[in-house]
Amino acid sequence: MERSNWIAAEKTFFISRRITWLFFIIFIPAGIMAFIAQNFNQTWLAVIFPWLFRASYVLLVISWIMPGIFILLRVPWLARAWLKGIMLRISIKPWEEYSRTEVFSTYFHSIFISGFMVLAIIAFIINGRLAK
């Protein structure tokens, strides 16, 4: 793998890791705030936690849709680096050294996770329109 591709893969990995951790850092306190707001009648928390949930959902959408976008852009080594940022058990090495199974796994996970997220977005949109 060229040096510029390796640097891009490392940067992609670190961006993915930051977005994933930021999701958890926002989502968990939002859940705690929601619990406190419901059980202890804290109205000021009831105003804050929906915004935190929305921000965490946006981070989750970005985190899960990016591998598929990288596959569509024909840069599977970046999709692999992004998946490494989401899941710890994936090895990161030069793209040319991957076996066929690892390449298939990259394509499968990228398309599956992104497809699932697109279907979830469509379901939320349809559910929101039906609720009105």
N, C-alpha and C. Protein backbone atom coordinates (compact mmCIF):
# COMPACT_ATOMS: atom_id res chain seq x y z
N MET A 1 0.85 -1.17 0.00
CA MET A 1 0.00 0.00 0.00
C MET A 1 0.90 1.24 0.00
N GLU A 2 0.51 2.20 -0.77
CA GLU A 2 1.28 3.43 -0.82
C GLU A 2 1.22 4.14 0.52
N ARG A 3 2.24 4.94 0.77
CA ARG A 3 2.33 5.66 2.03
C ARG A 3 1.15 6.61 2.23
N SER A 4 0.70 7.29 1.17
CA SER A 4 -0.42 8.22 1.31
C SER A 4 -1.71 7.47 1.64
N ASN A 5 -1.90 6.27 1.06
CA ASN A 5 -3.08 5.46 1.40
C ASN A 5 -3.03 4.98 2.84
N TRP A 6 -1.84 4.63 3.31
CA TRP A 6 -1.68 4.17 4.69
C TRP A 6 -1.99 5.31 5.67
N ILE A 7 -1.51 6.50 5.37
CA ILE A 7 -1.79 7.67 6.23
C ILE A 7 -3.27 7.98 6.22
N ALA A 8 -3.92 7.92 5.05
CA ALA A 8 -5.36 8.16 4.96
C ALA A 8 -6.13 7.12 5.76
N ALA A 9 -5.70 5.87 5.72
CA ALA A 9 -6.37 4.81 6.48
C ALA A 9 -6.22 5.05 7.99
N GLU A 10 -5.04 5.47 8.42
CA GLU A 10 -4.84 5.75 9.85
C GLU A 10 -5.70 6.93 10.30
N LYS A 11 -5.75 7.99 9.49
CA LYS A 11 -6.59 9.14 9.85
C LYS A 11 -8.06 8.74 9.89
N THR A 12 -8.49 7.92 8.93
CA THR A 12 -9.87 7.45 8.91
C THR A 12 -10.19 6.64 10.15
N PHE A 13 -9.25 5.79 10.56
CA PHE A 13 -9.43 4.99 11.77
C PHE A 13 -9.62 5.89 12.99
N PHE A 14 -8.77 6.91 13.14
CA PHE A 14 -8.87 7.77 14.30
C PHE A 14 -10.14 8.61 14.29
N ILE A 15 -10.58 9.06 13.12
CA ILE A 15 -11.84 9.81 13.03
C ILE A 15 -13.01 8.91 13.41
N SER A 16 -12.99 7.69 12.90
CA SER A 16 -14.05 6.73 13.23
C SER A 16 -14.08 6.43 14.73
N ARG A 17 -12.90 6.25 15.31
CA ARG A 17 -12.83 5.97 16.75
C ARG A 17 -13.38 7.14 17.56
N ARG A 18 -13.03 8.36 17.17
CA ARG A 18 -13.52 9.55 17.90
C ARG A 18 -15.03 9.68 17.79
N ILE A 19 -15.58 9.46 16.61
CA ILE A 19 -17.03 9.57 16.44
C ILE A 19 -17.74 8.49 17.25
N THR A 20 -17.21 7.28 17.27
CA THR A 20 -17.82 6.20 18.04
C THR A 20 -17.79 6.50 19.53
N TRP A 21 -16.67 6.94 20.03
CA TRP A 21 -16.57 7.28 21.46
C TRP A 21 -17.45 8.48 21.80
N LEU A 22 -17.50 9.47 20.92
CA LEU A 22 -18.35 10.63 21.16
C LEU A 22 -19.82 10.22 21.23
N PHE A 23 -20.22 9.26 20.41
CA PHE A 23 -21.58 8.73 20.48
C PHE A 23 -21.86 8.20 21.89
N PHE A 24 -20.97 7.35 22.40
CA PHE A 24 -21.19 6.79 23.73
C PHE A 24 -21.14 7.86 24.82
N ILE A 25 -20.24 8.82 24.67
CA ILE A 25 -20.11 9.88 25.67
C ILE A 25 -21.37 10.74 25.73
N ILE A 26 -22.06 10.91 24.61
CA ILE A 26 -23.29 11.70 24.60
C ILE A 26 -24.50 10.84 24.93
N PHE A 27 -24.57 9.62 24.41
CA PHE A 27 -25.75 8.77 24.55
C PHE A 27 -25.99 8.32 25.99
N ILE A 28 -24.95 7.91 26.68
CA ILE A 28 -25.12 7.40 28.05
C ILE A 28 -25.59 8.50 29.00
N PRO A 29 -24.97 9.69 29.03
CA PRO A 29 -25.51 10.74 29.91
C PRO A 29 -26.93 11.16 29.52
N ALA A 30 -27.25 11.13 28.22
CA ALA A 30 -28.60 11.47 27.80
C ALA A 30 -29.61 10.47 28.38
N GLY A 31 -29.26 9.20 28.38
CA GLY A 31 -30.14 8.19 28.98
C GLY A 31 -30.30 8.39 30.48
N ILE A 32 -29.22 8.73 31.15
CA ILE A 32 -29.30 8.99 32.60
C ILE A 32 -30.16 10.21 32.86
N MET A 33 -29.99 11.26 32.04
CA MET A 33 -30.81 12.47 32.20
C MET A 33 -32.29 12.17 31.96
N ALA A 34 -32.58 11.33 30.98
CA ALA A 34 -33.97 10.98 30.69
C ALA A 34 -34.59 10.24 31.88
N PHE A 35 -33.83 9.32 32.47
CA PHE A 35 -34.31 8.59 33.64
C PHE A 35 -34.57 9.54 34.80
N ILE A 36 -33.65 10.44 35.08
CA ILE A 36 -33.80 11.40 36.17
C ILE A 36 -34.97 12.33 35.91
N ALA A 37 -35.11 12.80 34.67
CA ALA A 37 -36.19 13.73 34.34
C ALA A 37 -37.55 13.08 34.51
N GLN A 38 -37.69 11.81 34.17
CA GLN A 38 -38.98 11.14 34.31
C GLN A 38 -39.30 10.78 35.75
N ASN A 39 -38.32 10.33 36.49
CA ASN A 39 -38.59 9.83 37.83
C ASN A 39 -38.58 10.91 38.91
N PHE A 40 -37.88 12.00 38.67
CA PHE A 40 -37.77 13.03 39.70
C PHE A 40 -38.35 14.37 39.27
N ASN A 41 -39.07 14.38 38.16
CA ASN A 41 -39.77 15.58 37.67
C ASN A 41 -38.83 16.78 37.53
N GLN A 42 -37.73 16.57 36.86
CA GLN A 42 -36.78 17.64 36.58
C GLN A 42 -37.06 18.17 35.17
N THR A 43 -37.79 19.27 35.08
CA THR A 43 -38.20 19.77 33.76
C THR A 43 -37.03 20.33 32.96
N TRP A 44 -36.04 20.87 33.61
CA TRP A 44 -34.91 21.42 32.86
C TRP A 44 -34.11 20.31 32.17
N LEU A 45 -34.07 19.12 32.78
CA LEU A 45 -33.43 17.99 32.12
C LEU A 45 -34.26 17.48 30.96
N ALA A 46 -35.58 17.60 31.08
CA ALA A 46 -36.47 17.16 30.00
C ALA A 46 -36.28 18.00 28.75
N VAL A 47 -35.72 19.18 28.89
CA VAL A 47 -35.44 20.03 27.73
C VAL A 47 -34.10 19.65 27.10
N ILE A 48 -33.14 19.23 27.90
CA ILE A 48 -31.79 18.97 27.41
C ILE A 48 -31.64 17.60 26.76
N PHE A 49 -32.18 16.54 27.39
CA PHE A 49 -31.85 15.20 26.91
C PHE A 49 -32.37 14.88 25.51
N PRO A 50 -33.49 15.43 25.02
CA PRO A 50 -33.84 15.13 23.62
C PRO A 50 -32.80 15.62 22.62
N TRP A 51 -32.20 16.76 22.91
CA TRP A 51 -31.16 17.29 22.03
C TRP A 51 -29.93 16.39 22.05
N LEU A 52 -29.60 15.89 23.22
CA LEU A 52 -28.46 14.98 23.32
C LEU A 52 -28.73 13.66 22.59
N PHE A 53 -29.97 13.15 22.70
CA PHE A 53 -30.31 11.94 21.97
C PHE A 53 -30.22 12.16 20.46
N ARG A 54 -30.70 13.30 19.98
CA ARG A 54 -30.63 13.58 18.55
C ARG A 54 -29.17 13.68 18.08
N ALA A 55 -28.35 14.33 18.87
CA ALA A 55 -26.93 14.44 18.51
C ALA A 55 -26.28 13.05 18.47
N SER A 56 -26.62 12.20 19.43
CA SER A 56 -26.04 10.86 19.43
C SER A 56 -26.55 10.04 18.25
N TYR A 57 -27.80 10.22 17.86
CA TYR A 57 -28.32 9.50 16.69
C TYR A 57 -27.61 9.94 15.42
N VAL A 58 -27.34 11.22 15.29
CA VAL A 58 -26.61 11.72 14.12
C VAL A 58 -25.21 11.10 14.08
N LEU A 59 -24.55 11.03 15.22
CA LEU A 59 -23.22 10.41 15.27
C LEU A 59 -23.29 8.92 14.92
N LEU A 60 -24.34 8.24 15.36
CA LEU A 60 -24.49 6.83 15.04
C LEU A 60 -24.73 6.63 13.54
N VAL A 61 -25.55 7.49 12.96
CA VAL A 61 -25.81 7.40 11.52
C VAL A 61 -24.51 7.62 10.74
N ILE A 62 -23.76 8.63 11.11
CA ILE A 62 -22.48 8.88 10.43
C ILE A 62 -21.56 7.68 10.59
N SER A 63 -21.49 7.16 11.79
CA SER A 63 -20.58 6.06 12.08
C SER A 63 -20.93 4.80 11.29
N TRP A 64 -22.21 4.51 11.11
CA TRP A 64 -22.60 3.27 10.46
C TRP A 64 -22.76 3.40 8.95
N ILE A 65 -22.94 4.59 8.44
CA ILE A 65 -23.16 4.74 7.00
C ILE A 65 -21.85 4.95 6.23
N MET A 66 -20.82 5.41 6.89
CA MET A 66 -19.56 5.72 6.21
C MET A 66 -18.87 4.52 5.55
N PRO A 67 -18.85 3.31 6.16
CA PRO A 67 -18.20 2.20 5.45
C PRO A 67 -18.82 1.92 4.08
N GLY A 68 -20.13 2.01 3.99
CA GLY A 68 -20.80 1.81 2.70
C GLY A 68 -20.46 2.90 1.71
N ILE A 69 -20.34 4.11 2.19
CA ILE A 69 -19.96 5.22 1.30
C ILE A 69 -18.54 5.00 0.78
N PHE A 70 -17.64 4.53 1.64
CA PHE A 70 -16.28 4.25 1.19
C PHE A 70 -16.26 3.12 0.15
N ILE A 71 -17.12 2.12 0.32
CA ILE A 71 -17.20 1.05 -0.67
C ILE A 71 -17.72 1.61 -1.99
N LEU A 72 -18.73 2.46 -1.94
CA LEU A 72 -19.26 3.07 -3.16
C LEU A 72 -18.23 3.96 -3.85
N LEU A 73 -17.36 4.59 -3.06
CA LEU A 73 -16.30 5.43 -3.62
C LEU A 73 -15.09 4.61 -4.08
N ARG A 74 -15.17 3.30 -3.93
CA ARG A 74 -14.12 2.37 -4.36
C ARG A 74 -12.80 2.56 -3.60
N VAL A 75 -12.91 2.80 -2.31
CA VAL A 75 -11.73 2.85 -1.43
C VAL A 75 -11.98 1.89 -0.25
N PRO A 76 -11.94 0.57 -0.52
CA PRO A 76 -12.27 -0.39 0.54
C PRO A 76 -11.30 -0.39 1.71
N TRP A 77 -10.06 0.06 1.50
CA TRP A 77 -9.12 0.11 2.62
C TRP A 77 -9.55 1.17 3.64
N LEU A 78 -10.23 2.23 3.18
CA LEU A 78 -10.77 3.21 4.12
C LEU A 78 -11.99 2.66 4.84
N ALA A 79 -12.79 1.86 4.12
CA ALA A 79 -13.93 1.20 4.77
C ALA A 79 -13.43 0.26 5.86
N ARG A 80 -12.35 -0.46 5.57
CA ARG A 80 -11.76 -1.37 6.57
C ARG A 80 -11.24 -0.59 7.78
N ALA A 81 -10.60 0.55 7.52
CA ALA A 81 -10.10 1.38 8.62
C ALA A 81 -11.25 1.93 9.44
N TRP A 82 -12.35 2.32 8.77
CA TRP A 82 -13.51 2.84 9.50
C TRP A 82 -14.13 1.75 10.36
N LEU A 83 -14.25 0.55 9.80
CA LEU A 83 -14.78 -0.57 10.59
C LEU A 83 -13.88 -0.89 11.78
N LYS A 84 -12.59 -0.74 11.60
CA LYS A 84 -11.66 -0.94 12.71
C LYS A 84 -11.93 0.06 13.83
N GLY A 85 -12.30 1.29 13.46
CA GLY A 85 -12.63 2.29 14.47
C GLY A 85 -13.90 1.96 15.23
N ILE A 86 -14.82 1.25 14.58
CA ILE A 86 -16.08 0.87 15.23
C ILE A 86 -15.90 -0.39 16.06
N MET A 87 -15.21 -1.40 15.47
CA MET A 87 -15.04 -2.71 16.11
C MET A 87 -13.56 -2.95 16.37
N LEU A 88 -13.22 -3.38 17.54
CA LEU A 88 -11.82 -3.55 17.91
C LEU A 88 -11.17 -4.80 17.33
N ARG A 89 -11.92 -5.80 16.95
CA ARG A 89 -11.33 -7.09 16.58
C ARG A 89 -10.83 -7.16 15.15
N ILE A 90 -10.96 -6.11 14.39
CA ILE A 90 -10.49 -6.10 13.00
C ILE A 90 -9.03 -5.68 12.98
N SER A 91 -8.24 -6.43 12.23
CA SER A 91 -6.82 -6.07 12.12
C SER A 91 -6.65 -5.01 11.05
N ILE A 92 -5.65 -4.16 11.24
CA ILE A 92 -5.34 -3.13 10.25
C ILE A 92 -3.94 -3.43 9.74
N LYS A 93 -3.87 -3.69 8.46
CA LYS A 93 -2.59 -3.94 7.80
C LYS A 93 -2.76 -3.47 6.36
N PRO A 94 -1.72 -3.46 5.58
CA PRO A 94 -1.87 -3.02 4.19
C PRO A 94 -2.93 -3.84 3.45
N TRP A 95 -3.71 -3.17 2.62
CA TRP A 95 -4.85 -3.78 1.95
C TRP A 95 -4.42 -4.99 1.10
N GLU A 96 -3.26 -4.93 0.51
CA GLU A 96 -2.80 -6.01 -0.36
C GLU A 96 -2.52 -7.30 0.41
N GLU A 97 -2.34 -7.23 1.71
CA GLU A 97 -2.01 -8.40 2.51
C GLU A 97 -3.24 -9.14 3.03
N TYR A 98 -4.43 -8.62 2.78
CA TYR A 98 -5.65 -9.29 3.25
C TYR A 98 -5.96 -10.51 2.41
N SER A 99 -6.49 -11.53 3.06
CA SER A 99 -6.92 -12.72 2.34
C SER A 99 -8.28 -12.44 1.70
N ARG A 100 -8.74 -13.35 0.87
CA ARG A 100 -10.05 -13.18 0.24
C ARG A 100 -11.17 -13.14 1.27
N THR A 101 -11.02 -13.91 2.32
CA THR A 101 -12.03 -13.92 3.38
C THR A 101 -12.11 -12.57 4.06
N GLU A 102 -10.97 -11.96 4.34
CA GLU A 102 -10.96 -10.65 4.99
C GLU A 102 -11.50 -9.56 4.06
N VAL A 103 -11.21 -9.67 2.77
CA VAL A 103 -11.75 -8.70 1.80
C VAL A 103 -13.26 -8.85 1.72
N PHE A 104 -13.74 -10.11 1.64
CA PHE A 104 -15.18 -10.35 1.62
C PHE A 104 -15.84 -9.83 2.88
N SER A 105 -15.19 -10.07 4.01
CA SER A 105 -15.72 -9.59 5.30
C SER A 105 -15.83 -8.07 5.31
N THR A 106 -14.86 -7.39 4.75
CA THR A 106 -14.91 -5.92 4.69
C THR A 106 -16.09 -5.46 3.86
N TYR A 107 -16.25 -6.03 2.68
CA TYR A 107 -17.36 -5.64 1.82
C TYR A 107 -18.70 -5.99 2.47
N PHE A 108 -18.81 -7.19 3.04
CA PHE A 108 -20.06 -7.63 3.65
C PHE A 108 -20.45 -6.73 4.82
N HIS A 109 -19.52 -6.51 5.75
CA HIS A 109 -19.84 -5.69 6.91
C HIS A 109 -20.17 -4.26 6.52
N SER A 110 -19.43 -3.71 5.58
CA SER A 110 -19.67 -2.34 5.15
C SER A 110 -21.06 -2.19 4.54
N ILE A 111 -21.40 -3.09 3.65
CA ILE A 111 -22.71 -3.00 2.99
C ILE A 111 -23.83 -3.33 3.97
N PHE A 112 -23.64 -4.33 4.82
CA PHE A 112 -24.67 -4.73 5.77
C PHE A 112 -24.97 -3.61 6.77
N ILE A 113 -23.94 -3.04 7.38
CA ILE A 113 -24.14 -2.00 8.38
C ILE A 113 -24.76 -0.76 7.74
N SER A 114 -24.26 -0.36 6.59
CA SER A 114 -24.80 0.83 5.92
C SER A 114 -26.22 0.59 5.45
N GLY A 115 -26.49 -0.60 4.91
CA GLY A 115 -27.85 -0.93 4.48
C GLY A 115 -28.82 -0.95 5.64
N PHE A 116 -28.39 -1.50 6.75
CA PHE A 116 -29.24 -1.51 7.95
C PHE A 116 -29.55 -0.09 8.39
N MET A 117 -28.57 0.79 8.35
CA MET A 117 -28.78 2.17 8.77
C MET A 117 -29.72 2.90 7.81
N VAL A 118 -29.57 2.66 6.52
CA VAL A 118 -30.48 3.29 5.55
C VAL A 118 -31.91 2.81 5.79
N LEU A 119 -32.09 1.51 6.03
CA LEU A 119 -33.43 1.00 6.33
C LEU A 119 -33.99 1.59 7.62
N ALA A 120 -33.14 1.77 8.62
CA ALA A 120 -33.58 2.38 9.87
C ALA A 120 -34.00 3.83 9.66
N ILE A 121 -33.27 4.56 8.86
CA ILE A 121 -33.63 5.95 8.56
C ILE A 121 -34.97 6.00 7.85
N ILE A 122 -35.17 5.12 6.86
CA ILE A 122 -36.44 5.08 6.15
C ILE A 122 -37.57 4.74 7.10
N ALA A 123 -37.35 3.79 8.00
CA ALA A 123 -38.38 3.41 8.97
C ALA A 123 -38.72 4.57 9.89
N PHE A 124 -37.72 5.33 10.35
CA PHE A 124 -38.00 6.48 11.20
C PHE A 124 -38.78 7.55 10.45
N ILE A 125 -38.45 7.76 9.19
CA ILE A 125 -39.18 8.76 8.40
C ILE A 125 -40.62 8.33 8.21
N ILE A 126 -40.84 7.07 7.84
CA ILE A 126 -42.21 6.58 7.65
C ILE A 126 -42.96 6.61 8.96
N ASN A 127 -42.34 6.21 10.05
CA ASN A 127 -42.99 6.23 11.36
C ASN A 127 -43.34 7.65 11.76
N GLY A 128 -42.47 8.61 11.48
CA GLY A 128 -42.75 10.00 11.81
C GLY A 128 -43.91 10.56 11.00
N ARG A 129 -44.03 10.16 9.75
CA ARG A 129 -45.13 10.64 8.91
C ARG A 129 -46.44 9.97 9.31
N LEU A 130 -46.39 8.72 9.72
CA LEU A 130 -47.61 8.04 10.14
C LEU A 130 -48.13 8.55 11.47
N ALA A 131 -47.22 9.04 12.31
CA ALA A 131 -47.61 9.52 13.64
C ALA A 131 -48.34 10.85 13.57
N LYS A 132 -48.14 11.61 12.49
CA LYS A 132 -48.77 12.94 12.39
C LYS A 132 -50.20 12.88 11.98
